PDB file of N, CA and C in Angstrom:
ATOM      1  N   MET A   1      36.710  35.921 -36.395  1.00  0.00           N
ATOM      2  CA  MET A   1      37.254  34.545 -35.701  1.00  0.00           C
ATOM      3  C   MET A   1      38.321  34.602 -34.995  1.00  0.00           C
ATOM      4  N   GLY A   2      39.582  35.256 -35.409  1.00  0.00           N
ATOM      5  CA  GLY A   2      40.632  35.533 -34.785  1.00  0.00           C
ATOM      6  C   GLY A   2      40.781  35.997 -33.482  1.00  0.00           C
ATOM      7  N   ASN A   3      40.006  37.183 -33.489  1.00  0.00           N
ATOM      8  CA  ASN A   3      39.783  38.028 -32.550  1.00  0.00           C
ATOM      9  C   ASN A   3      38.881  37.119 -31.118  1.00  0.00           C
ATOM     10  N   LEU A   4      38.007  36.692 -31.679  1.00  0.00           N
ATOM     11  CA  LEU A   4      37.240  35.750 -30.649  1.00  0.00           C
ATOM     12  C   LEU A   4      38.132  34.786 -30.029  1.00  0.00           C
ATOM     13  N   ARG A   5      38.690  34.338 -30.792  1.00  0.00           N
ATOM     14  CA  ARG A   5      39.814  33.258 -30.227  1.00  0.00           C
ATOM     15  C   ARG A   5      40.796  34.010 -29.217  1.00  0.00           C
ATOM     16  N   ASN A   6      41.425  35.387 -29.553  1.00  0.00           N
ATOM     17  CA  ASN A   6      42.185  35.996 -28.788  1.00  0.00           C
ATOM     18  C   ASN A   6      41.631  36.419 -27.424  1.00  0.00           C
ATOM     19  N   CYS A   7      40.381  36.546 -27.495  1.00  0.00           N
ATOM     20  CA  CYS A   7      39.493  37.255 -26.556  1.00  0.00           C
ATOM     21  C   CYS A   7      39.298  35.855 -25.479  1.00  0.00           C
ATOM     22  N   ILE A   8      39.093  34.855 -26.104  1.00  0.00           N
ATOM     23  CA  ILE A   8      38.905  33.277 -25.184  1.00  0.00           C
ATOM     24  C   ILE A   8      40.191  33.199 -24.536  1.00  0.00           C
ATOM     25  N   ARG A   9      41.306  33.128 -25.277  1.00  0.00           N
ATOM     26  CA  ARG A   9      42.499  32.837 -24.347  1.00  0.00           C
ATOM     27  C   ARG A   9      42.707  33.873 -23.404  1.00  0.00           C
ATOM     28  N   ILE A  10      42.475  35.266 -23.484  1.00  0.00           N
ATOM     29  CA  ILE A  10      43.266  36.416 -22.638  1.00  0.00           C
ATOM     30  C   ILE A  10      42.018  35.934 -21.245  1.00  0.00           C
ATOM     31  N   ILE A  11      40.573  35.600 -21.656  1.00  0.00           N
ATOM     32  CA  ILE A  11      39.746  35.484 -20.545  1.00  0.00           C
ATOM     33  C   ILE A  11      40.011  34.266 -19.782  1.00  0.00           C
ATOM     34  N   VAL A  12      40.526  33.136 -20.554  1.00  0.00           N
ATOM     35  CA  VAL A  12      41.141  31.745 -19.841  1.00  0.00           C
ATOM     36  C   VAL A  12      42.429  32.205 -18.695  1.00  0.00           C
ATOM     37  N   MET A  13      43.240  32.803 -19.481  1.00  0.00           N
ATOM     38  CA  MET A  13      44.346  32.958 -18.721  1.00  0.00           C
ATOM     39  C   MET A  13      44.087  33.573 -17.524  1.00  0.00           C
ATOM     40  N   ALA A  14      43.267  34.559 -17.788  1.00  0.00           N
ATOM     41  CA  ALA A  14      42.678  35.731 -16.610  1.00  0.00           C
ATOM     42  C   ALA A  14      42.101  34.635 -15.573  1.00  0.00           C
ATOM     43  N   LEU A  15      41.198  33.826 -15.945  1.00  0.00           N
ATOM     44  CA  LEU A  15      40.486  33.152 -15.208  1.00  0.00           C
ATOM     45  C   LEU A  15      41.290  32.167 -14.469  1.00  0.00           C
ATOM     46  N   GLY A  16      42.292  31.405 -15.073  1.00  0.00           N
ATOM     47  CA  GLY A  16      43.147  30.619 -14.531  1.00  0.00           C
ATOM     48  C   GLY A  16      44.055  31.302 -13.224  1.00  0.00           C
ATOM     49  N   THR A  17      44.434  32.403 -13.441  1.00  0.00           N
ATOM     50  CA  THR A  17      45.260  33.080 -12.360  1.00  0.00           C
ATOM     51  C   THR A  17      44.294  33.393 -11.258  1.00  0.00           C
ATOM     52  N   LEU A  18      43.048  33.788 -11.613  1.00  0.00           N
ATOM     53  CA  LEU A  18      42.081  34.180 -10.384  1.00  0.00           C
ATOM     54  C   LEU A  18      41.432  32.776  -9.731  1.00  0.00           C
ATOM     55  N   ALA A  19      41.534  32.021 -10.398  1.00  0.00           N
ATOM     56  CA  ALA A  19      41.048  30.371  -9.938  1.00  0.00           C
ATOM     57  C   ALA A  19      42.280  30.002  -9.088  1.00  0.00           C
ATOM     58  N   ALA A  20      43.461  30.119  -9.305  1.00  0.00           N
ATOM     59  CA  ALA A  20      44.757  29.793  -8.533  1.00  0.00           C
ATOM     60  C   ALA A  20      44.672  30.106  -7.486  1.00  0.00           C
ATOM     61  N   ALA A  21      44.253  31.653  -7.121  1.00  0.00           N
ATOM     62  CA  ALA A  21      44.265  32.254  -5.942  1.00  0.00           C
ATOM     63  C   ALA A  21      42.815  32.035  -5.020  1.00  0.00           C
ATOM     64  N   ALA A  22      41.925  31.396  -5.509  1.00  0.00           N
ATOM     65  CA  ALA A  22      40.585  31.485  -4.807  1.00  0.00           C
ATOM     66  C   ALA A  22      40.358  29.813  -4.737  1.00  0.00           C
ATOM     67  N   PRO A  23      39.584  29.664  -3.312  1.00  0.00           N
ATOM     68  CA  PRO A  23      39.392  28.155  -3.053  1.00  0.00           C
ATOM     69  C   PRO A  23      38.375  27.759  -4.294  1.00  0.00           C
ATOM     70  N   GLY A  24      38.055  26.314  -4.488  1.00  0.00           N
ATOM     71  CA  GLY A  24      37.651  25.899  -5.872  1.00  0.00           C
ATOM     72  C   GLY A  24      36.020  25.497  -5.017  1.00  0.00           C
ATOM     73  N   PHE A  25      35.321  25.803  -6.242  1.00  0.00           N
ATOM     74  CA  PHE A  25      33.880  25.531  -5.946  1.00  0.00           C
ATOM     75  C   PHE A  25      33.376  23.979  -6.646  1.00  0.00           C
ATOM     76  N   ALA A  26      34.188  23.554  -7.106  1.00  0.00           N
ATOM     77  CA  ALA A  26      33.763  22.383  -7.880  1.00  0.00           C
ATOM     78  C   ALA A  26      33.363  21.116  -6.889  1.00  0.00           C
ATOM     79  N   ALA A  27      32.251  20.572  -7.356  1.00  0.00           N
ATOM     80  CA  ALA A  27      31.478  19.266  -6.614  1.00  0.00           C
ATOM     81  C   ALA A  27      32.345  18.204  -7.288  1.00  0.00           C
ATOM     82  N   PRO A  28      32.219  16.948  -6.624  1.00  0.00           N
ATOM     83  CA  PRO A  28      32.327  15.600  -7.249  1.00  0.00           C
ATOM     84  C   PRO A  28      31.968  15.615  -8.695  1.00  0.00           C
ATOM     85  N   PRO A  29      32.558  15.092  -9.785  1.00  0.00           N
ATOM     86  CA  PRO A  29      32.091  15.049 -11.233  1.00  0.00           C
ATOM     87  C   PRO A  29      31.044  13.912 -11.081  1.00  0.00           C
ATOM     88  N   ASP A  30      31.090  13.056 -10.336  1.00  0.00           N
ATOM     89  CA  ASP A  30      29.870  11.841 -10.663  1.00  0.00           C
ATOM     90  C   ASP A  30      28.815  12.040  -9.839  1.00  0.00           C
ATOM     91  N   ASP A  31      28.438  13.306  -9.372  1.00  0.00           N
ATOM     92  CA  ASP A  31      27.332  13.712  -8.836  1.00  0.00           C
ATOM     93  C   ASP A  31      26.149  14.101  -9.819  1.00  0.00           C
ATOM     94  N   ASP A  32      25.248  12.818  -9.932  1.00  0.00           N
ATOM     95  CA  ASP A  32      24.396  12.987 -11.001  1.00  0.00           C
ATOM     96  C   ASP A  32      23.307  13.917 -10.922  1.00  0.00           C
ATOM     97  N   ASP A  33      22.763  14.080  -9.774  1.00  0.00           N
ATOM     98  CA  ASP A  33      21.833  15.217  -9.366  1.00  0.00           C
ATOM     99  C   ASP A  33      22.653  16.726  -9.648  1.00  0.00           C
ATOM    100  N   ALA A  34      23.689  17.090  -9.195  1.00  0.00           N
ATOM    101  CA  ALA A  34      24.282  18.281  -9.545  1.00  0.00           C
ATOM    102  C   ALA A  34      24.361  18.237 -10.946  1.00  0.00           C
ATOM    103  N   ALA A  35      24.782  17.520 -11.703  1.00  0.00           N
ATOM    104  CA  ALA A  35      25.209  17.659 -13.006  1.00  0.00           C
ATOM    105  C   ALA A  35      23.670  18.050 -13.774  1.00  0.00           C
ATOM    106  N   ALA A  36      22.696  17.251 -13.140  1.00  0.00           N
ATOM    107  CA  ALA A  36      21.464  17.407 -13.907  1.00  0.00           C
ATOM    108  C   ALA A  36      20.807  19.068 -13.470  1.00  0.00           C
ATOM    109  N   LYS A  37      21.236  19.418 -12.679  1.00  0.00           N
ATOM    110  CA  LYS A  37      20.927  20.800 -11.964  1.00  0.00           C
ATOM    111  C   LYS A  37      21.661  21.661 -12.865  1.00  0.00           C
ATOM    112  N   GLY A  38      23.019  21.213 -13.223  1.00  0.00           N
ATOM    113  CA  GLY A  38      24.128  22.295 -13.871  1.00  0.00           C
ATOM    114  C   GLY A  38      23.446  22.387 -15.136  1.00  0.00           C
ATOM    115  N   LEU A  39      22.899  21.222 -15.773  1.00  0.00           N
ATOM    116  CA  LEU A  39      22.458  21.396 -17.233  1.00  0.00           C
ATOM    117  C   LEU A  39      21.048  22.109 -17.297  1.00  0.00           C
ATOM    118  N   ALA A  40      20.308  22.046 -16.563  1.00  0.00           N
ATOM    119  CA  ALA A  40      19.008  22.773 -16.246  1.00  0.00           C
ATOM    120  C   ALA A  40      19.300  24.445 -16.277  1.00  0.00           C
ATOM    121  N   ILE A  41      20.454  24.847 -15.378  1.00  0.00           N
ATOM    122  CA  ILE A  41      20.880  26.223 -15.374  1.00  0.00           C
ATOM    123  C   ILE A  41      21.286  26.638 -16.617  1.00  0.00           C
ATOM    124  N   LEU A  42      22.304  25.725 -17.333  1.00  0.00           N
ATOM    125  CA  LEU A  42      22.909  26.047 -18.648  1.00  0.00           C
ATOM    126  C   LEU A  42      21.738  26.342 -19.807  1.00  0.00           C
ATOM    127  N   GLU A  43      20.536  25.179 -19.794  1.00  0.00           N
ATOM    128  CA  GLU A  43      19.591  25.515 -20.527  1.00  0.00           C
ATOM    129  C   GLU A  43      18.704  26.612 -20.360  1.00  0.00           C
ATOM    130  N   LYS A  44      18.641  27.094 -19.342  1.00  0.00           N
ATOM    131  CA  LYS A  44      18.002  28.375 -19.100  1.00  0.00           C
ATOM    132  C   LYS A  44      18.506  29.440 -19.598  1.00  0.00           C
ATOM    133  N   ASN A  45      19.941  29.499 -19.195  1.00  0.00           N
ATOM    134  CA  ASN A  45      20.705  30.656 -19.269  1.00  0.00           C
ATOM    135  C   ASN A  45      21.857  30.922 -20.751  1.00  0.00           C
ATOM    136  N   CYS A  46      22.162  29.742 -21.107  1.00  0.00           N
ATOM    137  CA  CYS A  46      23.149  29.712 -22.291  1.00  0.00           C
ATOM    138  C   CYS A  46      22.814  29.034 -23.723  1.00  0.00           C
ATOM    139  N   ALA A  47      21.696  28.012 -23.317  1.00  0.00           N
ATOM    140  CA  ALA A  47      21.517  27.144 -24.734  1.00  0.00           C
ATOM    141  C   ALA A  47      20.843  28.066 -25.870  1.00  0.00           C
ATOM    142  N   ARG A  48      20.246  29.323 -25.554  1.00  0.00           N
ATOM    143  CA  ARG A  48      20.058  30.337 -26.936  1.00  0.00           C
ATOM    144  C   ARG A  48      21.119  30.425 -27.985  1.00  0.00           C
ATOM    145  N   CYS A  49      22.393  30.447 -27.346  1.00  0.00           N
ATOM    146  CA  CYS A  49      23.542  30.745 -28.215  1.00  0.00           C
ATOM    147  C   CYS A  49      24.619  29.289 -28.126  1.00  0.00           C
ATOM    148  N   HIS A  50      24.717  28.575 -27.314  1.00  0.00           N
ATOM    149  CA  HIS A  50      25.752  27.587 -27.217  1.00  0.00           C
ATOM    150  C   HIS A  50      25.043  26.282 -27.130  1.00  0.00           C
ATOM    151  N   ALA A  51      25.483  25.409 -27.983  1.00  0.00           N
ATOM    152  CA  ALA A  51      25.126  23.734 -27.780  1.00  0.00           C
ATOM    153  C   ALA A  51      25.788  23.236 -26.532  1.00  0.00           C
ATOM    154  N   LEU A  52      24.687  22.641 -25.851  1.00  0.00           N
ATOM    155  CA  LEU A  52      25.313  22.073 -24.558  1.00  0.00           C
ATOM    156  C   LEU A  52      25.530  20.438 -24.780  1.00  0.00           C
ATOM    157  N   GLY A  53      25.268  19.828 -25.497  1.00  0.00           N
ATOM    158  CA  GLY A  53      25.455  18.401 -25.237  1.00  0.00           C
ATOM    159  C   GLY A  53      26.586  17.954 -26.048  1.00  0.00           C
ATOM    160  N   LEU A  54      26.822  16.487 -26.480  1.00  0.00           N
ATOM    161  CA  LEU A  54      27.772  15.920 -27.123  1.00  0.00           C
ATOM    162  C   LEU A  54      27.726  16.355 -28.832  1.00  0.00           C
ATOM    163  N   THR A  55      26.503  16.636 -29.136  1.00  0.00           N
ATOM    164  CA  THR A  55      26.339  16.961 -30.620  1.00  0.00           C
ATOM    165  C   THR A  55      25.637  18.232 -30.853  1.00  0.00           C
ATOM    166  N   GLY A  56      25.534  18.577 -32.143  1.00  0.00           N
ATOM    167  CA  GLY A  56      24.924  19.482 -32.583  1.00  0.00           C
ATOM    168  C   GLY A  56      25.508  20.983 -32.443  1.00  0.00           C
ATOM    169  N   ALA A  57      25.111  21.921 -33.357  1.00  0.00           N
ATOM    170  CA  ALA A  57      26.033  23.016 -33.570  1.00  0.00           C
ATOM    171  C   ALA A  57      25.274  24.356 -32.647  1.00  0.00           C
ATOM    172  N   SER A  58      26.072  25.047 -32.321  1.00  0.00           N
ATOM    173  CA  SER A  58      25.579  26.341 -31.340  1.00  0.00           C
ATOM    174  C   SER A  58      24.845  27.130 -32.126  1.00  0.00           C
ATOM    175  N   PRO A  59      23.432  27.528 -31.847  1.00  0.00           N
ATOM    176  CA  PRO A  59      22.776  28.397 -32.343  1.00  0.00           C
ATOM    177  C   PRO A  59      23.625  29.879 -32.802  1.00  0.00           C
ATOM    178  N   HIS A  60      24.082  30.187 -31.865  1.00  0.00           N
ATOM    179  CA  HIS A  60      24.915  31.491 -32.116  1.00  0.00           C
ATOM    180  C   HIS A  60      26.366  31.100 -32.963  1.00  0.00           C
ATOM    181  N   PRO A  61      26.789  31.857 -34.132  1.00  0.00           N
ATOM    182  CA  PRO A  61      27.888  31.167 -34.773  1.00  0.00           C
ATOM    183  C   PRO A  61      29.170  31.540 -33.861  1.00  0.00           C
ATOM    184  N   GLN A  62      29.233  32.463 -32.985  1.00  0.00           N
ATOM    185  CA  GLN A  62      30.530  33.065 -32.546  1.00  0.00           C
ATOM    186  C   GLN A  62      30.511  32.113 -31.112  1.00  0.00           C
ATOM    187  N   ALA A  63      29.403  31.369 -30.872  1.00  0.00           N
ATOM    188  CA  ALA A  63      29.509  30.834 -29.312  1.00  0.00           C
ATOM    189  C   ALA A  63      29.814  29.270 -29.364  1.00  0.00           C
ATOM    190  N   PRO A  64      30.913  28.881 -28.763  1.00  0.00           N
ATOM    191  CA  PRO A  64      31.570  27.465 -29.072  1.00  0.00           C
ATOM    192  C   PRO A  64      30.480  26.544 -28.639  1.00  0.00           C
ATOM    193  N   PRO A  65      30.257  25.310 -28.934  1.00  0.00           N
ATOM    194  CA  PRO A  65      29.588  24.266 -28.154  1.00  0.00           C
ATOM    195  C   PRO A  65      30.307  24.192 -27.036  1.00  0.00           C
ATOM    196  N   PHE A  66      29.712  24.025 -25.757  1.00  0.00           N
ATOM    197  CA  PHE A  66      30.231  23.631 -24.601  1.00  0.00           C
ATOM    198  C   PHE A  66      31.184  22.370 -24.591  1.00  0.00           C
ATOM    199  N   ARG A  67      30.944  21.496 -25.489  1.00  0.00           N
ATOM    200  CA  ARG A  67      31.797  20.216 -25.590  1.00  0.00           C
ATOM    201  C   ARG A  67      33.242  20.697 -26.245  1.00  0.00           C
ATOM    202  N   ASP A  68      33.093  21.665 -27.219  1.00  0.00           N
ATOM    203  CA  ASP A  68      34.413  22.293 -27.452  1.00  0.00           C
ATOM    204  C   ASP A  68      35.393  22.962 -26.279  1.00  0.00           C
ATOM    205  N   VAL A  69      34.487  23.796 -25.781  1.00  0.00           N
ATOM    206  CA  VAL A  69      34.968  24.643 -24.383  1.00  0.00           C
ATOM    207  C   VAL A  69      35.761  23.858 -23.552  1.00  0.00           C
ATOM    208  N   VAL A  70      35.137  22.583 -23.034  1.00  0.00           N
ATOM    209  CA  VAL A  70      35.734  21.626 -22.228  1.00  0.00           C
ATOM    210  C   VAL A  70      36.984  21.074 -22.672  1.00  0.00           C
ATOM    211  N   GLU A  71      37.011  20.822 -23.800  1.00  0.00           N
ATOM    212  CA  GLU A  71      38.201  20.082 -24.169  1.00  0.00           C
ATOM    213  C   GLU A  71      39.571  21.022 -24.418  1.00  0.00           C
ATOM    214  N   ARG A  72      39.097  22.268 -24.725  1.00  0.00           N
ATOM    215  CA  ARG A  72      40.228  23.330 -25.009  1.00  0.00           C
ATOM    216  C   ARG A  72      40.806  24.015 -23.619  1.00  0.00           C
ATOM    217  N   TYR A  73      39.819  24.205 -22.371  1.00  0.00           N
ATOM    218  CA  TYR A  73      40.149  24.831 -21.240  1.00  0.00           C
ATOM    219  C   TYR A  73      39.549  24.012 -20.032  1.00  0.00           C
ATOM    220  N   PRO A  74      40.614  24.077 -18.939  1.00  0.00           N
ATOM    221  CA  PRO A  74      40.209  23.332 -17.800  1.00  0.00           C
ATOM    222  C   PRO A  74      38.954  23.865 -16.914  1.00  0.00           C
ATOM    223  N   VAL A  75      38.265  23.129 -16.889  1.00  0.00           N
ATOM    224  CA  VAL A  75      36.738  23.422 -16.277  1.00  0.00           C
ATOM    225  C   VAL A  75      36.713  24.191 -15.045  1.00  0.00           C
ATOM    226  N   GLU A  76      37.717  23.919 -14.212  1.00  0.00           N
ATOM    227  CA  GLU A  76      37.944  24.547 -13.019  1.00  0.00           C
ATOM    228  C   GLU A  76      38.446  26.165 -13.094  1.00  0.00           C
ATOM    229  N   ASP A  77      38.936  26.434 -14.443  1.00  0.00           N
ATOM    230  CA  ASP A  77      39.295  27.914 -14.548  1.00  0.00           C
ATOM    231  C   ASP A  77      38.128  28.688 -14.902  1.00  0.00           C
ATOM    232  N   LEU A  78      36.800  28.129 -15.000  1.00  0.00           N
ATOM    233  CA  LEU A  78      35.671  28.775 -15.436  1.00  0.00           C
ATOM    234  C   LEU A  78      34.712  29.075 -13.716  1.00  0.00           C
ATOM    235  N   GLU A  79      35.578  28.550 -12.725  1.00  0.00           N
ATOM    236  CA  GLU A  79      34.722  28.502 -11.541  1.00  0.00           C
ATOM    237  C   GLU A  79      34.528  30.182 -11.051  1.00  0.00           C
ATOM    238  N   GLU A  80      35.764  30.738 -11.083  1.00  0.00           N
ATOM    239  CA  GLU A  80      35.819  32.180 -10.458  1.00  0.00           C
ATOM    240  C   GLU A  80      34.877  32.959 -11.498  1.00  0.00           C
ATOM    241  N   SER A  81      35.175  33.023 -12.852  1.00  0.00           N
ATOM    242  CA  SER A  81      34.321  33.659 -13.518  1.00  0.00           C
ATOM    243  C   SER A  81      32.665  33.543 -13.626  1.00  0.00           C
ATOM    244  N   LEU A  82      32.464  32.252 -13.512  1.00  0.00           N
ATOM    245  CA  LEU A  82      30.717  31.940 -13.023  1.00  0.00           C
ATOM    246  C   LEU A  82      30.270  32.651 -11.858  1.00  0.00           C
ATOM    247  N   ALA A  83      31.236  32.768 -10.626  1.00  0.00           N
ATOM    248  CA  ALA A  83      30.696  33.257  -9.664  1.00  0.00           C
ATOM    249  C   ALA A  83      30.895  34.791  -9.632  1.00  0.00           C
ATOM    250  N   GLU A  84      31.782  35.283 -10.179  1.00  0.00           N
ATOM    251  CA  GLU A  84      31.921  36.702 -10.376  1.00  0.00           C
ATOM    252  C   GLU A  84      31.230  37.623 -11.424  1.00  0.00           C
ATOM    253  N   GLY A  85      31.067  36.606 -12.739  1.00  0.00           N
ATOM    254  CA  GLY A  85      30.684  37.398 -13.771  1.00  0.00           C
ATOM    255  C   GLY A  85      31.450  36.826 -15.030  1.00  0.00           C
ATOM    256  N   ILE A  86      30.866  36.226 -16.046  1.00  0.00           N
ATOM    257  CA  ILE A  86      31.428  36.256 -17.356  1.00  0.00           C
ATOM    258  C   ILE A  86      31.129  37.004 -18.096  1.00  0.00           C
ATOM    259  N   VAL A  87      32.278  37.718 -18.714  1.00  0.00           N
ATOM    260  CA  VAL A  87      32.393  38.925 -19.674  1.00  0.00           C
ATOM    261  C   VAL A  87      32.963  38.325 -20.753  1.00  0.00           C
ATOM    262  N   SER A  88      32.206  38.359 -21.779  1.00  0.00           N
ATOM    263  CA  SER A  88      32.895  37.796 -23.244  1.00  0.00           C
ATOM    264  C   SER A  88      33.321  38.893 -23.875  1.00  0.00           C
ATOM    265  N   GLY A  89      34.351  38.412 -24.988  1.00  0.00           N
ATOM    266  CA  GLY A  89      34.924  39.484 -25.754  1.00  0.00           C
ATOM    267  C   GLY A  89      34.078  40.047 -27.016  1.00  0.00           C
ATOM    268  N   HIS A  90      32.860  39.308 -27.175  1.00  0.00           N
ATOM    269  CA  HIS A  90      31.745  39.624 -28.098  1.00  0.00           C
ATOM    270  C   HIS A  90      30.742  40.313 -27.688  1.00  0.00           C
ATOM    271  N   PRO A  91      29.918  41.359 -28.183  1.00  0.00           N
ATOM    272  CA  PRO A  91      28.975  42.129 -27.527  1.00  0.00           C
ATOM    273  C   PRO A  91      27.602  41.572 -27.466  1.00  0.00           C
ATOM    274  N   ASP A  92      27.320  40.388 -28.151  1.00  0.00           N
ATOM    275  CA  ASP A  92      26.161  39.658 -28.002  1.00  0.00           C
ATOM    276  C   ASP A  92      26.119  38.643 -26.717  1.00  0.00           C
ATOM    277  N   MET A  93      27.018  38.483 -25.985  1.00  0.00           N
ATOM    278  CA  MET A  93      26.888  37.788 -24.887  1.00  0.00           C
ATOM    279  C   MET A  93      26.692  38.793 -23.598  1.00  0.00           C
ATOM    280  N   PRO A  94      25.620  38.224 -22.903  1.00  0.00           N
ATOM    281  CA  PRO A  94      25.249  38.927 -21.601  1.00  0.00           C
ATOM    282  C   PRO A  94      26.163  38.410 -20.573  1.00  0.00           C
ATOM    283  N   GLU A  95      26.348  39.347 -19.614  1.00  0.00           N
ATOM    284  CA  GLU A  95      27.098  39.052 -18.114  1.00  0.00           C
ATOM    285  C   GLU A  95      26.173  38.309 -17.583  1.00  0.00           C
ATOM    286  N   PHE A  96      26.830  37.151 -16.909  1.00  0.00           N
ATOM    287  CA  PHE A  96      26.334  36.137 -16.038  1.00  0.00           C
ATOM    288  C   PHE A  96      26.772  35.962 -14.780  1.00  0.00           C
ATOM    289  N   THR A  97      26.258  35.966 -13.683  1.00  0.00           N
ATOM    290  CA  THR A  97      26.908  35.652 -12.451  1.00  0.00           C
ATOM    291  C   THR A  97      26.102  34.694 -11.749  1.00  0.00           C
ATOM    292  N   PHE A  98      26.669  33.529 -11.245  1.00  0.00           N
ATOM    293  CA  PHE A  98      26.012  32.734 -10.555  1.00  0.00           C
ATOM    294  C   PHE A  98      26.359  32.408  -9.081  1.00  0.00           C
ATOM    295  N   GLU A  99      25.423  31.661  -8.244  1.00  0.00           N
ATOM    296  CA  GLU A  99      25.635  31.560  -7.029  1.00  0.00           C
ATOM    297  C   GLU A  99      26.516  30.315  -6.675  1.00  0.00           C
ATOM    298  N   ALA A 100      27.323  30.268  -5.517  1.00  0.00           N
ATOM    299  CA  ALA A 100      28.163  29.174  -5.287  1.00  0.00           C
ATOM    300  C   ALA A 100      27.546  27.395  -5.738  1.00  0.00           C
ATOM    301  N   ASP A 101      26.339  27.205  -5.158  1.00  0.00           N
ATOM    302  CA  ASP A 101      25.597  25.964  -5.234  1.00  0.00           C
ATOM    303  C   ASP A 101      25.549  25.791  -6.983  1.00  0.00           C
ATOM    304  N   GLU A 102      25.073  26.807  -7.740  1.00  0.00           N
ATOM    305  CA  GLU A 102      24.869  27.069  -9.220  1.00  0.00           C
ATOM    306  C   GLU A 102      26.293  26.522  -9.822  1.00  0.00           C
ATOM    307  N   VAL A 103      27.369  27.289  -9.161  1.00  0.00           N
ATOM    308  CA  VAL A 103      28.687  27.112  -9.904  1.00  0.00           C
ATOM    309  C   VAL A 103      29.131  25.639  -9.804  1.00  0.00           C
ATOM    310  N   ASN A 104      28.818  24.970  -8.492  1.00  0.00           N
ATOM    311  CA  ASN A 104      29.041  23.620  -8.520  1.00  0.00           C
ATOM    312  C   ASN A 104      28.315  22.666  -9.327  1.00  0.00           C
ATOM    313  N   ALA A 105      27.127  22.805  -9.611  1.00  0.00           N
ATOM    314  CA  ALA A 105      26.303  22.289 -10.401  1.00  0.00           C
ATOM    315  C   ALA A 105      26.696  22.449 -12.134  1.00  0.00           C
ATOM    316  N   ILE A 106      26.878  23.696 -12.385  1.00  0.00           N
ATOM    317  CA  ILE A 106      27.368  23.961 -13.812  1.00  0.00           C
ATOM    318  C   ILE A 106      28.856  22.969 -13.844  1.00  0.00           C
ATOM    319  N   VAL A 107      29.687  23.241 -13.014  1.00  0.00           N
ATOM    320  CA  VAL A 107      30.907  22.917 -13.387  1.00  0.00           C
ATOM    321  C   VAL A 107      31.130  21.159 -13.012  1.00  0.00           C
ATOM    322  N   THR A 108      29.947  20.761 -12.305  1.00  0.00           N
ATOM    323  CA  THR A 108      29.933  19.120 -12.274  1.00  0.00           C
ATOM    324  C   THR A 108      29.396  18.634 -13.651  1.00  0.00           C
ATOM    325  N   TYR A 109      28.203  19.309 -14.265  1.00  0.00           N
ATOM    326  CA  TYR A 109      27.941  19.238 -15.454  1.00  0.00           C
ATOM    327  C   TYR A 109      28.895  19.221 -16.583  1.00  0.00           C
ATOM    328  N   LEU A 110      29.792  20.162 -16.516  1.00  0.00           N
ATOM    329  CA  LEU A 110      30.864  20.328 -17.666  1.00  0.00           C
ATOM    330  C   LEU A 110      31.935  19.375 -17.343  1.00  0.00           C
ATOM    331  N   ASN A 111      31.925  18.708 -16.398  1.00  0.00           N
ATOM    332  CA  ASN A 111      33.123  17.721 -15.973  1.00  0.00           C
ATOM    333  C   ASN A 111      32.410  16.467 -16.570  1.00  0.00           C
ATOM    334  N   SER A 112      31.205  16.134 -16.555  1.00  0.00           N
ATOM    335  CA  SER A 112      30.495  14.990 -16.661  1.00  0.00           C
ATOM    336  C   SER A 112      30.632  15.204 -18.495  1.00  0.00           C
ATOM    337  N   LEU A 113      30.355  16.184 -18.942  1.00  0.00           N
ATOM    338  CA  LEU A 113      30.322  16.478 -20.437  1.00  0.00           C
ATOM    339  C   LEU A 113      31.793  16.018 -20.901  1.00  0.00           C
ATOM    340  N   LYS A 114      32.966  16.654 -20.231  1.00  0.00           N
ATOM    341  CA  LYS A 114      34.374  16.318 -20.755  1.00  0.00           C
ATOM    342  C   LYS A 114      34.558  14.789 -20.641  1.00  0.00           C
ATOM    343  N   ALA A 115      33.830  14.202 -19.416  1.00  0.00           N
ATOM    344  CA  ALA A 115      34.058  12.573 -19.272  1.00  0.00           C
ATOM    345  C   ALA A 115      33.379  11.906 -20.685  1.00  0.00           C
ATOM    346  N   LYS A 116      32.489  12.241 -20.767  1.00  0.00           N
ATOM    347  CA  LYS A 116      31.405  11.702 -22.040  1.00  0.00           C
ATOM    348  C   LYS A 116      32.123  12.139 -23.407  1.00  0.00           C
ATOM    349  N   GLU A 117      32.619  13.079 -23.443  1.00  0.00           N
ATOM    350  CA  GLU A 117      33.475  13.308 -24.610  1.00  0.00           C
ATOM    351  C   GLU A 117      34.893  12.547 -24.728  1.00  0.00           C
ATOM    352  N   ASN A 118      35.435  12.468 -23.978  1.00  0.00           N
ATOM    353  CA  ASN A 118      36.663  11.768 -23.739  1.00  0.00           C
ATOM    354  C   ASN A 118      36.580  10.260 -23.882  1.00  0.00           C
ATOM    355  N   ALA A 119      35.236   9.625 -23.403  1.00  0.00           N
ATOM    356  CA  ALA A 119      34.894   8.299 -23.743  1.00  0.00           C
ATOM    357  C   ALA A 119      34.460   7.772 -25.003  1.00  0.00           C
ATOM    358  N   LYS A 120      33.912   8.721 -25.915  1.00  0.00           N
ATOM    359  CA  LYS A 120      33.505   8.583 -27.185  1.00  0.00           C
ATOM    360  C   LYS A 120      34.775   7.757 -28.102  1.00  0.00           C
TER     361      LYS A 120
END
């Protein structure tokens, strides 16, 4: 578990550096249509390992629920890696790349998830 946390920290720090140098992809977090599209993309690509909503455990023990990810890391730090390719420190996670409109939708959903989590 410690190695996974270290890998996540390294990835997030690298993503933060890359995101600071690149223009943002994020859409306004109140865009319900984009959030719904983002959730649909995550359901198709990520739900087999990650919990996507406000409750429930992730199906894969090494895959944190997205509600935990958005509380630990700035969502905007994920933009660059979503567009360029997310590579995880553990071998079970495949590499994903998304188009700019998909990145916007995913970030919008994650921001809405964070807002709902903070409103609890």
